[in-house]
N, C-alpha and C. Protein backbone atom coordinates (compact mmCIF):
# COMPACT_ATOMS: atom_id res chain seq x y z
N UNK A 1 98.30 102.08 77.29
CA UNK A 1 96.94 101.62 77.49
C UNK A 1 96.70 101.43 79.00
N UNK A 2 95.59 101.96 79.47
CA UNK A 2 95.24 101.70 80.88
C UNK A 2 93.76 101.48 80.96
N UNK A 3 93.35 100.87 82.03
CA UNK A 3 91.94 100.62 82.29
C UNK A 3 91.64 101.14 83.69
N UNK A 4 90.39 101.22 84.04
CA UNK A 4 90.01 101.72 85.37
C UNK A 4 90.58 100.85 86.46
N UNK A 5 90.48 99.53 86.30
CA UNK A 5 91.02 98.62 87.34
C UNK A 5 92.52 98.76 87.46
N UNK A 6 93.19 98.90 86.30
CA UNK A 6 94.66 99.05 86.29
C UNK A 6 95.06 100.34 87.00
N UNK A 7 94.35 101.41 86.69
CA UNK A 7 94.64 102.71 87.31
C UNK A 7 94.39 102.65 88.82
N UNK A 8 93.36 101.94 89.25
CA UNK A 8 93.08 101.81 90.68
C UNK A 8 94.19 101.01 91.39
N UNK A 9 94.64 99.93 90.75
CA UNK A 9 95.75 99.14 91.33
C UNK A 9 96.98 100.00 91.54
N UNK A 10 97.18 100.97 90.66
CA UNK A 10 98.37 101.83 90.70
C UNK A 10 98.27 102.94 91.76
N UNK A 11 97.18 102.97 92.53
CA UNK A 11 97.09 103.97 93.60
C UNK A 11 97.87 103.56 94.83
N UNK A 12 98.50 102.37 94.78
CA UNK A 12 99.51 101.97 95.76
C UNK A 12 100.83 102.12 95.05
N UNK A 13 101.74 102.91 95.63
CA UNK A 13 103.03 103.13 94.99
C UNK A 13 104.13 103.32 95.99
N UNK A 14 105.35 103.22 95.53
CA UNK A 14 106.52 103.43 96.40
C UNK A 14 106.58 104.91 96.76
N UNK A 15 106.88 105.21 98.03
CA UNK A 15 106.86 106.61 98.45
C UNK A 15 108.21 107.29 98.31
N UNK A 16 109.23 106.59 97.79
CA UNK A 16 110.54 107.18 97.61
C UNK A 16 111.41 107.11 98.85
N UNK A 17 110.87 106.60 99.95
CA UNK A 17 111.63 106.55 101.22
C UNK A 17 111.60 105.14 101.81
N UNK A 18 111.39 104.14 100.98
CA UNK A 18 111.37 102.76 101.48
C UNK A 18 110.02 102.27 101.93
N UNK A 19 109.02 103.12 101.83
CA UNK A 19 107.68 102.73 102.25
C UNK A 19 106.71 102.73 101.09
N UNK A 20 105.45 102.63 101.42
CA UNK A 20 104.37 102.58 100.41
C UNK A 20 103.43 103.75 100.62
N UNK A 21 103.10 104.41 99.53
CA UNK A 21 102.14 105.54 99.59
C UNK A 21 100.79 105.08 99.03
N UNK A 22 99.74 105.54 99.64
CA UNK A 22 98.38 105.25 99.18
C UNK A 22 97.78 106.54 98.63
N UNK A 23 97.52 106.58 97.33
CA UNK A 23 96.98 107.77 96.71
C UNK A 23 95.52 107.99 97.02
N UNK A 24 94.91 107.07 97.78
CA UNK A 24 93.52 107.22 98.22
C UNK A 24 93.46 107.35 99.74
N UNK A 25 94.46 107.95 100.33
CA UNK A 25 94.54 108.03 101.79
C UNK A 25 93.41 108.84 102.43
N UNK A 26 92.93 109.84 101.71
CA UNK A 26 91.89 110.71 102.27
C UNK A 26 90.72 110.80 101.27
N UNK A 27 89.56 111.20 101.76
CA UNK A 27 88.43 111.42 100.86
C UNK A 27 88.75 112.44 99.77
N UNK A 28 89.54 113.46 100.12
CA UNK A 28 89.89 114.51 99.14
C UNK A 28 90.76 113.92 98.04
N UNK A 29 91.73 113.09 98.40
CA UNK A 29 92.57 112.45 97.40
C UNK A 29 91.75 111.54 96.51
N UNK A 30 90.79 110.87 97.14
CA UNK A 30 89.91 109.97 96.39
C UNK A 30 89.11 110.75 95.36
N UNK A 31 88.56 111.89 95.76
CA UNK A 31 87.79 112.74 94.85
C UNK A 31 88.65 113.20 93.70
N UNK A 32 89.92 113.61 93.99
CA UNK A 32 90.82 114.08 92.96
C UNK A 32 91.15 112.94 92.00
N UNK A 33 91.35 111.74 92.53
CA UNK A 33 91.66 110.58 91.66
C UNK A 33 90.49 110.26 90.75
N UNK A 34 89.28 110.27 91.31
CA UNK A 34 88.09 109.98 90.51
C UNK A 34 87.90 111.02 89.40
N UNK A 35 88.05 112.27 89.74
CA UNK A 35 87.91 113.31 88.72
C UNK A 35 88.97 113.16 87.62
N UNK A 36 90.19 112.78 88.02
CA UNK A 36 91.27 112.59 87.04
C UNK A 36 90.98 111.41 86.10
N UNK A 37 90.23 110.42 86.58
CA UNK A 37 89.99 109.20 85.81
C UNK A 37 88.53 109.11 85.32
N UNK A 38 87.92 110.23 85.19
CA UNK A 38 86.53 110.27 84.72
C UNK A 38 86.35 109.58 83.37
N UNK A 39 87.33 109.75 82.47
CA UNK A 39 87.21 109.15 81.14
C UNK A 39 87.25 107.62 81.22
N UNK A 40 88.00 107.08 82.17
CA UNK A 40 88.04 105.62 82.34
C UNK A 40 86.72 105.09 82.90
N UNK A 41 86.11 105.86 83.79
CA UNK A 41 84.77 105.50 84.30
C UNK A 41 83.80 105.50 83.14
N UNK A 42 83.90 106.51 82.27
CA UNK A 42 82.99 106.62 81.13
C UNK A 42 83.14 105.46 80.16
N UNK A 43 84.38 104.94 80.02
CA UNK A 43 84.59 103.80 79.13
C UNK A 43 83.74 102.61 79.56
N UNK A 44 83.59 102.44 80.87
CA UNK A 44 82.85 101.29 81.39
C UNK A 44 81.35 101.56 81.45
N UNK A 45 80.99 102.72 81.97
CA UNK A 45 79.59 103.03 82.23
C UNK A 45 78.87 103.63 81.02
N UNK A 46 79.63 104.11 80.05
CA UNK A 46 79.01 104.78 78.92
C UNK A 46 78.76 106.24 79.21
N UNK A 47 79.05 106.65 80.41
CA UNK A 47 79.01 108.05 80.80
C UNK A 47 80.02 108.21 81.92
N UNK A 48 80.37 109.45 82.19
CA UNK A 48 81.35 109.72 83.24
C UNK A 48 80.68 110.02 84.56
N UNK A 49 81.49 110.52 85.48
CA UNK A 49 80.95 110.85 86.80
C UNK A 49 79.89 111.94 86.70
N UNK A 50 79.98 112.74 85.65
CA UNK A 50 79.00 113.82 85.50
C UNK A 50 77.58 113.32 85.46
N UNK A 51 77.36 112.10 84.95
CA UNK A 51 76.02 111.57 84.84
C UNK A 51 75.56 110.88 86.11
N UNK A 52 76.52 110.49 87.00
CA UNK A 52 76.10 109.74 88.18
C UNK A 52 76.35 110.47 89.49
N UNK A 53 77.40 111.23 89.60
CA UNK A 53 77.67 111.90 90.87
C UNK A 53 78.82 112.85 90.73
N UNK A 54 78.66 113.88 89.94
CA UNK A 54 79.77 114.78 89.70
C UNK A 54 79.34 116.22 89.97
N UNK A 55 80.00 116.96 90.89
CA UNK A 55 81.12 116.44 91.64
C UNK A 55 80.68 115.43 92.69
N UNK A 56 81.55 114.52 93.06
CA UNK A 56 81.20 113.52 94.07
C UNK A 56 80.76 114.26 95.32
N UNK A 57 79.58 113.94 95.80
CA UNK A 57 79.04 114.64 96.97
C UNK A 57 79.93 114.39 98.20
N UNK A 58 80.23 115.47 98.93
CA UNK A 58 81.14 115.38 100.07
C UNK A 58 80.73 114.33 101.07
N UNK A 59 79.42 114.19 101.29
CA UNK A 59 78.97 113.29 102.34
C UNK A 59 79.18 111.80 101.98
N UNK A 60 79.34 111.50 100.70
CA UNK A 60 79.53 110.10 100.35
C UNK A 60 81.01 109.77 100.09
N UNK A 61 81.89 110.78 100.17
CA UNK A 61 83.30 110.54 99.86
C UNK A 61 83.96 109.49 100.76
N UNK A 62 83.75 109.53 102.09
CA UNK A 62 84.39 108.48 102.91
C UNK A 62 83.95 107.09 102.49
N UNK A 63 82.67 106.93 102.17
CA UNK A 63 82.16 105.62 101.74
C UNK A 63 82.76 105.23 100.38
N UNK A 64 82.85 106.19 99.46
CA UNK A 64 83.47 105.91 98.15
C UNK A 64 84.91 105.43 98.38
N UNK A 65 85.64 106.14 99.24
CA UNK A 65 87.01 105.77 99.47
C UNK A 65 87.10 104.35 100.05
N UNK A 66 86.32 104.03 101.06
CA UNK A 66 86.36 102.69 101.67
C UNK A 66 86.03 101.60 100.64
N UNK A 67 85.03 101.87 99.83
CA UNK A 67 84.64 100.87 98.80
C UNK A 67 85.72 100.68 97.74
N UNK A 68 86.36 101.78 97.33
CA UNK A 68 87.42 101.68 96.33
C UNK A 68 88.65 100.97 96.88
N UNK A 69 88.98 101.25 98.15
CA UNK A 69 90.13 100.57 98.77
C UNK A 69 89.82 99.06 98.87
N UNK A 70 88.60 98.71 99.18
CA UNK A 70 88.22 97.29 99.25
C UNK A 70 88.35 96.59 97.92
N UNK A 71 87.78 97.21 96.86
CA UNK A 71 87.85 96.57 95.54
C UNK A 71 89.27 96.60 95.01
N UNK A 72 90.07 97.58 95.42
CA UNK A 72 91.48 97.60 95.03
C UNK A 72 92.22 96.40 95.59
N UNK A 73 91.92 96.02 96.81
CA UNK A 73 92.54 94.81 97.38
C UNK A 73 92.23 93.58 96.54
N UNK A 74 90.97 93.51 96.09
CA UNK A 74 90.58 92.36 95.26
C UNK A 74 91.30 92.39 93.92
N UNK A 75 91.37 93.58 93.30
CA UNK A 75 92.04 93.69 91.99
C UNK A 75 93.51 93.33 92.13
N UNK A 76 94.20 93.83 93.13
CA UNK A 76 95.62 93.52 93.31
C UNK A 76 95.83 92.04 93.58
N UNK A 77 94.92 91.41 94.30
CA UNK A 77 95.03 89.96 94.55
C UNK A 77 94.91 89.19 93.25
N UNK A 78 94.00 89.60 92.38
CA UNK A 78 93.81 88.94 91.10
C UNK A 78 94.98 89.22 90.13
N UNK A 79 95.51 90.42 90.19
CA UNK A 79 96.70 90.74 89.40
C UNK A 79 97.86 89.88 89.85
N UNK A 80 98.01 89.71 91.17
CA UNK A 80 99.10 88.86 91.69
C UNK A 80 98.97 87.44 91.20
N UNK A 81 97.74 86.95 91.09
CA UNK A 81 97.55 85.61 90.57
C UNK A 81 97.86 85.54 89.07
N UNK A 82 97.59 86.62 88.35
CA UNK A 82 97.74 86.63 86.91
C UNK A 82 99.20 86.66 86.46
N UNK A 83 100.11 87.21 87.27
CA UNK A 83 101.51 87.24 86.89
C UNK A 83 102.15 85.90 87.25
N UNK A 84 103.41 85.70 86.84
CA UNK A 84 104.09 84.43 87.09
C UNK A 84 104.14 84.13 88.57
N UNK A 85 104.04 82.86 88.97
CA UNK A 85 104.09 82.48 90.39
C UNK A 85 105.35 83.07 91.05
N UNK A 86 105.16 83.65 92.21
CA UNK A 86 106.29 84.25 92.92
C UNK A 86 106.70 85.61 92.42
N UNK A 87 106.01 86.14 91.39
CA UNK A 87 106.43 87.41 90.81
C UNK A 87 105.49 88.53 91.17
N UNK A 88 104.60 88.34 92.12
CA UNK A 88 103.67 89.39 92.52
C UNK A 88 104.39 90.58 93.12
N UNK A 89 103.75 91.73 93.13
CA UNK A 89 104.34 92.91 93.75
C UNK A 89 104.66 92.64 95.21
N UNK A 90 105.86 93.02 95.61
CA UNK A 90 106.28 92.78 96.98
C UNK A 90 105.54 93.68 97.98
N UNK A 91 104.84 94.71 97.49
CA UNK A 91 104.17 95.64 98.36
C UNK A 91 103.16 94.99 99.24
N UNK A 92 102.39 94.05 98.70
CA UNK A 92 101.32 93.45 99.45
C UNK A 92 101.26 91.93 99.30
N UNK A 93 102.36 91.33 98.82
CA UNK A 93 102.36 89.89 98.58
C UNK A 93 102.07 89.09 99.86
N UNK A 94 102.46 89.64 101.00
CA UNK A 94 102.25 88.92 102.24
C UNK A 94 100.90 89.18 102.91
N UNK A 95 100.09 90.03 102.27
CA UNK A 95 98.79 90.32 102.89
C UNK A 95 97.69 90.40 101.84
N UNK A 96 97.84 89.61 100.79
CA UNK A 96 96.85 89.63 99.72
C UNK A 96 95.55 88.95 100.17
N UNK A 97 94.46 89.45 99.68
CA UNK A 97 93.15 88.82 99.87
C UNK A 97 93.16 87.47 99.18
N UNK A 98 92.45 86.51 99.72
CA UNK A 98 92.34 85.21 99.08
C UNK A 98 91.68 85.32 97.72
N UNK A 99 92.09 84.49 96.78
CA UNK A 99 91.61 84.57 95.41
C UNK A 99 90.10 84.40 95.34
N UNK A 100 89.54 83.44 96.07
CA UNK A 100 88.09 83.20 96.02
C UNK A 100 87.33 84.42 96.52
N UNK A 101 87.83 85.03 97.60
CA UNK A 101 87.19 86.24 98.12
C UNK A 101 87.29 87.37 97.10
N UNK A 102 88.46 87.50 96.45
CA UNK A 102 88.66 88.54 95.45
C UNK A 102 87.72 88.35 94.27
N UNK A 103 87.60 87.12 93.80
CA UNK A 103 86.66 86.84 92.70
C UNK A 103 85.24 87.20 93.06
N UNK A 104 84.87 86.80 94.28
CA UNK A 104 83.49 87.11 94.74
C UNK A 104 83.23 88.59 94.76
N UNK A 105 84.20 89.34 95.31
CA UNK A 105 84.04 90.78 95.43
C UNK A 105 83.94 91.46 94.07
N UNK A 106 84.80 91.08 93.11
CA UNK A 106 84.79 91.68 91.78
C UNK A 106 83.50 91.34 91.06
N UNK A 107 83.08 90.08 91.13
CA UNK A 107 81.86 89.69 90.45
C UNK A 107 80.61 90.37 91.05
N UNK A 108 80.58 90.45 92.36
CA UNK A 108 79.44 91.10 93.02
C UNK A 108 79.38 92.57 92.66
N UNK A 109 80.54 93.22 92.62
CA UNK A 109 80.60 94.65 92.25
C UNK A 109 80.08 94.85 90.83
N UNK A 110 80.51 93.99 89.92
CA UNK A 110 80.12 94.12 88.51
C UNK A 110 78.62 93.90 88.31
N UNK A 111 78.01 93.11 89.19
CA UNK A 111 76.57 92.88 89.07
C UNK A 111 75.77 94.16 89.21
N UNK A 112 76.32 95.16 89.87
CA UNK A 112 75.61 96.44 90.05
C UNK A 112 75.37 97.13 88.72
N UNK A 113 76.12 96.75 87.68
CA UNK A 113 75.94 97.35 86.37
C UNK A 113 74.83 96.66 85.57
N UNK A 114 74.19 95.70 86.19
CA UNK A 114 73.14 94.94 85.50
C UNK A 114 73.66 93.61 85.06
N UNK A 115 72.85 92.58 85.16
CA UNK A 115 73.30 91.25 84.77
C UNK A 115 72.09 90.36 84.45
N UNK A 116 72.39 89.26 83.82
CA UNK A 116 71.34 88.27 83.53
C UNK A 116 71.22 87.30 84.68
N UNK A 117 70.01 87.00 85.08
CA UNK A 117 69.78 85.99 86.11
C UNK A 117 68.76 84.99 85.59
N UNK A 118 68.87 83.79 86.13
CA UNK A 118 67.98 82.72 85.72
C UNK A 118 66.73 82.73 86.56
N UNK A 119 65.57 82.63 85.89
CA UNK A 119 64.28 82.49 86.57
C UNK A 119 63.66 81.17 86.13
N UNK A 120 63.10 80.45 87.05
CA UNK A 120 62.50 79.18 86.69
C UNK A 120 61.25 78.97 87.51
N UNK A 121 60.15 79.43 87.02
CA UNK A 121 58.87 79.35 87.70
C UNK A 121 58.32 77.93 87.54
N UNK A 122 57.76 77.40 88.60
CA UNK A 122 57.17 76.07 88.57
C UNK A 122 56.21 75.93 87.39
N UNK A 123 56.40 74.87 86.61
CA UNK A 123 55.51 74.60 85.50
C UNK A 123 55.85 75.35 84.22
N UNK A 124 56.90 76.18 84.28
CA UNK A 124 57.30 76.96 83.07
C UNK A 124 58.72 76.62 82.71
N UNK A 125 59.11 76.99 81.53
CA UNK A 125 60.50 76.77 81.07
C UNK A 125 61.43 77.78 81.73
N UNK A 126 62.70 77.41 81.93
CA UNK A 126 63.63 78.40 82.48
C UNK A 126 63.76 79.59 81.54
N UNK A 127 63.94 80.75 82.13
CA UNK A 127 64.10 81.97 81.34
C UNK A 127 65.06 82.89 82.06
N UNK A 128 65.64 83.81 81.31
CA UNK A 128 66.53 84.78 81.93
C UNK A 128 65.81 86.10 82.08
N UNK A 129 66.21 86.83 83.10
CA UNK A 129 65.70 88.19 83.27
C UNK A 129 66.88 89.11 83.51
N UNK A 130 66.77 90.29 83.04
CA UNK A 130 67.85 91.27 83.20
C UNK A 130 67.60 92.03 84.48
N UNK A 131 68.61 91.99 85.37
CA UNK A 131 68.58 92.82 86.57
C UNK A 131 69.10 94.19 86.21
N UNK A 132 68.32 95.24 86.41
CA UNK A 132 68.75 96.55 85.93
C UNK A 132 69.96 97.11 86.71
N UNK A 133 70.60 98.07 86.05
CA UNK A 133 71.74 98.73 86.66
C UNK A 133 71.30 99.56 87.87
N UNK A 134 72.10 99.54 88.91
CA UNK A 134 71.79 100.31 90.12
C UNK A 134 71.85 101.81 89.82
N UNK A 135 71.16 102.58 90.65
CA UNK A 135 71.24 104.03 90.54
C UNK A 135 72.17 104.62 91.59
N UNK A 136 72.67 103.77 92.50
CA UNK A 136 73.53 104.24 93.58
C UNK A 136 74.90 104.61 93.02
N UNK A 137 75.38 105.84 93.21
CA UNK A 137 76.63 106.28 92.59
C UNK A 137 77.85 105.51 93.09
N UNK A 138 77.88 105.16 94.38
CA UNK A 138 79.01 104.41 94.92
C UNK A 138 79.05 103.02 94.30
N UNK A 139 77.90 102.34 94.26
CA UNK A 139 77.84 101.01 93.67
C UNK A 139 78.21 101.06 92.18
N UNK A 140 77.83 102.12 91.49
CA UNK A 140 78.20 102.27 90.09
C UNK A 140 79.70 102.39 89.90
N UNK A 141 80.34 103.21 90.73
CA UNK A 141 81.79 103.38 90.61
C UNK A 141 82.52 102.08 90.90
N UNK A 142 82.14 101.42 91.99
CA UNK A 142 82.80 100.16 92.35
C UNK A 142 82.47 99.09 91.31
N UNK A 143 81.23 99.11 90.82
CA UNK A 143 80.87 98.18 89.76
C UNK A 143 81.67 98.39 88.50
N UNK A 144 81.97 99.66 88.19
CA UNK A 144 82.77 99.95 87.02
C UNK A 144 84.18 99.37 87.17
N UNK A 145 84.74 99.46 88.38
CA UNK A 145 86.05 98.85 88.64
C UNK A 145 85.96 97.33 88.47
N UNK A 146 84.91 96.73 89.05
CA UNK A 146 84.73 95.29 88.92
C UNK A 146 84.63 94.85 87.47
N UNK A 147 83.82 95.55 86.69
CA UNK A 147 83.67 95.21 85.27
C UNK A 147 84.99 95.40 84.51
N UNK A 148 85.71 96.46 84.83
CA UNK A 148 87.00 96.73 84.21
C UNK A 148 88.00 95.61 84.52
N UNK A 149 88.01 95.16 85.78
CA UNK A 149 88.91 94.06 86.17
C UNK A 149 88.58 92.79 85.42
N UNK A 150 87.29 92.48 85.34
CA UNK A 150 86.84 91.26 84.64
C UNK A 150 87.27 91.32 83.16
N UNK A 151 86.98 92.46 82.52
CA UNK A 151 87.32 92.60 81.10
C UNK A 151 88.83 92.49 80.87
N UNK A 152 89.61 93.11 81.76
CA UNK A 152 91.08 93.08 81.61
C UNK A 152 91.61 91.66 81.81
N UNK A 153 91.21 91.02 82.92
CA UNK A 153 91.77 89.72 83.26
C UNK A 153 91.30 88.61 82.31
N UNK A 154 90.14 88.80 81.68
CA UNK A 154 89.65 87.81 80.73
C UNK A 154 90.08 88.14 79.29
N UNK A 155 90.80 89.23 79.11
CA UNK A 155 91.20 89.69 77.78
C UNK A 155 92.66 89.36 77.46
N UNK A 156 93.08 89.72 76.26
CA UNK A 156 94.44 89.37 75.80
C UNK A 156 95.56 90.10 76.49
N UNK A 157 95.28 91.28 77.09
CA UNK A 157 96.36 92.04 77.75
C UNK A 157 96.84 91.41 79.04
N UNK A 158 96.07 90.50 79.60
CA UNK A 158 96.51 89.85 80.85
C UNK A 158 97.88 89.20 80.67
N UNK A 159 98.16 88.64 79.49
CA UNK A 159 99.43 87.96 79.23
C UNK A 159 100.62 88.91 79.32
N UNK A 160 100.38 90.22 79.19
CA UNK A 160 101.47 91.21 79.26
C UNK A 160 101.62 91.80 80.65
N UNK A 161 100.78 91.37 81.61
CA UNK A 161 100.83 91.93 82.96
C UNK A 161 102.07 91.45 83.69
N UNK A 162 102.80 92.39 84.28
CA UNK A 162 104.00 92.08 85.06
C UNK A 162 103.99 92.89 86.34
N UNK A 163 104.68 92.37 87.35
CA UNK A 163 104.95 93.14 88.58
C UNK A 163 106.39 93.59 88.50
N UNK A 164 106.64 94.87 88.70
CA UNK A 164 108.00 95.38 88.62
C UNK A 164 108.86 94.73 89.71
N UNK A 165 110.00 94.11 89.36
CA UNK A 165 110.84 93.44 90.34
C UNK A 165 111.83 94.36 91.04
N UNK A 166 111.81 95.67 90.74
CA UNK A 166 112.74 96.58 91.39
C UNK A 166 112.48 96.63 92.89
N UNK A 167 113.56 96.76 93.64
CA UNK A 167 113.44 96.86 95.09
C UNK A 167 112.53 98.00 95.48
N UNK A 168 111.60 97.71 96.32
CA UNK A 168 110.65 98.70 96.87
C UNK A 168 109.63 99.18 95.86
N UNK A 169 109.67 98.76 94.59
CA UNK A 169 108.64 99.16 93.66
C UNK A 169 107.40 98.29 93.86
N UNK A 170 106.25 98.88 93.75
CA UNK A 170 104.99 98.14 94.04
C UNK A 170 104.04 98.14 92.85
N UNK A 171 104.57 98.51 91.68
CA UNK A 171 103.69 98.68 90.51
C UNK A 171 103.52 97.42 89.70
N UNK A 172 102.32 97.30 89.12
CA UNK A 172 102.07 96.35 88.05
C UNK A 172 102.12 97.16 86.75
N UNK A 173 102.58 96.53 85.69
CA UNK A 173 102.65 97.26 84.40
C UNK A 173 102.39 96.26 83.27
N UNK A 174 102.12 96.83 82.08
CA UNK A 174 101.93 96.02 80.89
C UNK A 174 103.22 96.03 80.09
N UNK A 175 103.77 94.86 79.85
CA UNK A 175 105.04 94.73 79.14
C UNK A 175 104.81 95.06 77.66
N UNK A 176 105.48 96.09 77.17
CA UNK A 176 105.33 96.50 75.77
C UNK A 176 106.32 95.80 74.85
N UNK A 177 107.39 95.28 75.44
CA UNK A 177 108.45 94.64 74.65
C UNK A 177 108.94 93.43 75.46
N UNK A 178 109.24 92.30 74.82
CA UNK A 178 109.71 91.11 75.58
C UNK A 178 110.93 91.36 76.44
N UNK A 179 111.73 92.39 76.07
CA UNK A 179 112.93 92.70 76.85
C UNK A 179 112.66 93.65 78.01
N UNK A 180 111.44 94.18 78.10
CA UNK A 180 111.12 95.12 79.18
C UNK A 180 111.00 94.39 80.50
N UNK A 181 111.81 94.79 81.47
CA UNK A 181 111.82 94.15 82.79
C UNK A 181 111.19 95.03 83.85
N UNK A 182 111.38 96.34 83.73
CA UNK A 182 110.97 97.28 84.76
C UNK A 182 109.73 98.08 84.34
N UNK A 183 109.06 98.64 85.29
CA UNK A 183 107.86 99.45 84.96
C UNK A 183 108.27 100.78 84.35
N UNK A 184 109.49 101.25 84.63
CA UNK A 184 109.94 102.54 84.10
C UNK A 184 111.46 102.55 84.01
N UNK A 185 112.02 103.44 83.19
CA UNK A 185 113.47 103.57 83.13
C UNK A 185 114.07 103.91 84.49
N UNK A 186 113.35 104.68 85.32
CA UNK A 186 113.85 105.07 86.63
C UNK A 186 114.11 103.83 87.49
N UNK A 187 113.16 102.88 87.46
CA UNK A 187 113.34 101.65 88.24
C UNK A 187 114.52 100.84 87.70
N UNK A 188 114.66 100.75 86.38
CA UNK A 188 115.78 100.02 85.79
C UNK A 188 117.12 100.66 86.18
N UNK A 189 117.20 101.98 86.12
CA UNK A 189 118.44 102.67 86.49
C UNK A 189 118.76 102.46 87.96
N UNK A 190 117.74 102.56 88.81
CA UNK A 190 117.94 102.36 90.26
C UNK A 190 118.45 100.95 90.55
N UNK A 191 117.90 99.96 89.86
CA UNK A 191 118.35 98.58 90.08
C UNK A 191 119.78 98.36 89.58
N UNK A 192 120.14 98.99 88.45
CA UNK A 192 121.50 98.86 87.95
C UNK A 192 122.51 99.49 88.94
N UNK A 193 122.14 100.64 89.49
CA UNK A 193 123.00 101.28 90.48
C UNK A 193 123.10 100.41 91.74
N UNK A 194 122.00 99.85 92.17
CA UNK A 194 122.01 98.96 93.34
C UNK A 194 122.91 97.73 93.12
N UNK A 195 122.80 97.13 91.92
CA UNK A 195 123.61 95.94 91.59
C UNK A 195 125.09 96.31 91.62
N UNK A 196 125.41 97.44 91.01
CA UNK A 196 126.80 97.90 90.94
C UNK A 196 127.35 98.12 92.36
N UNK A 197 126.53 98.74 93.21
CA UNK A 197 126.94 98.98 94.60
C UNK A 197 127.14 97.68 95.35
N UNK A 198 126.24 96.71 95.16
CA UNK A 198 126.35 95.41 95.86
C UNK A 198 127.62 94.68 95.42
N UNK A 199 127.94 94.75 94.12
CA UNK A 199 129.16 94.09 93.63
C UNK A 199 130.42 94.71 94.25
N UNK A 200 130.42 96.03 94.31
CA UNK A 200 131.60 96.73 94.88
C UNK A 200 131.77 96.41 96.35
N UNK A 201 130.66 96.39 97.10
CA UNK A 201 130.78 96.14 98.56
C UNK A 201 131.02 94.67 98.85
N UNK A 202 130.60 93.76 97.94
CA UNK A 202 130.82 92.34 98.15
C UNK A 202 132.26 91.94 97.86
N UNK A 203 132.89 92.67 96.93
CA UNK A 203 134.26 92.34 96.51
C UNK A 203 135.26 92.95 97.40
């Protein structure tokens, strides 16, 4: 199971050489990622990129990338808060956005999909009005991430969210079994090899 927000958080990954790779490093990579995750966008918006901006117009790609990287920081900050204290991904634990700022960003982004607001005209009873969904494709994409993050973090799957504790791994994952410790068998194998090596060199 994955969601748009979860998939976006996973665009930060270990590069295999002790560093971190960003799968949204360029506008072209961003376009490829968006096209690959069109179905997840459709889950939130009720339509895919085809209805709002497909193919993503070249001139808005840098802006799309900047906005997605910004909302990704917010999502990863909220994911870090959702896992056990001290168990956040080591990739960005020292440079996470503040929780209040992350909440503000996610909520503001989700508002682009339409929301209820309170109106209270003098002499009348309070009433709600629906603010319509934006037509701006960038705001829609970022809003879809915001809505996805809200739905995920307020839903039952949040309890299964874990940060992989393997050295140099930067992934969050959903724990499918109480015994699952790593995001993948590869991470588990690498950690077992590392432990074995440390024991041999320590003895």
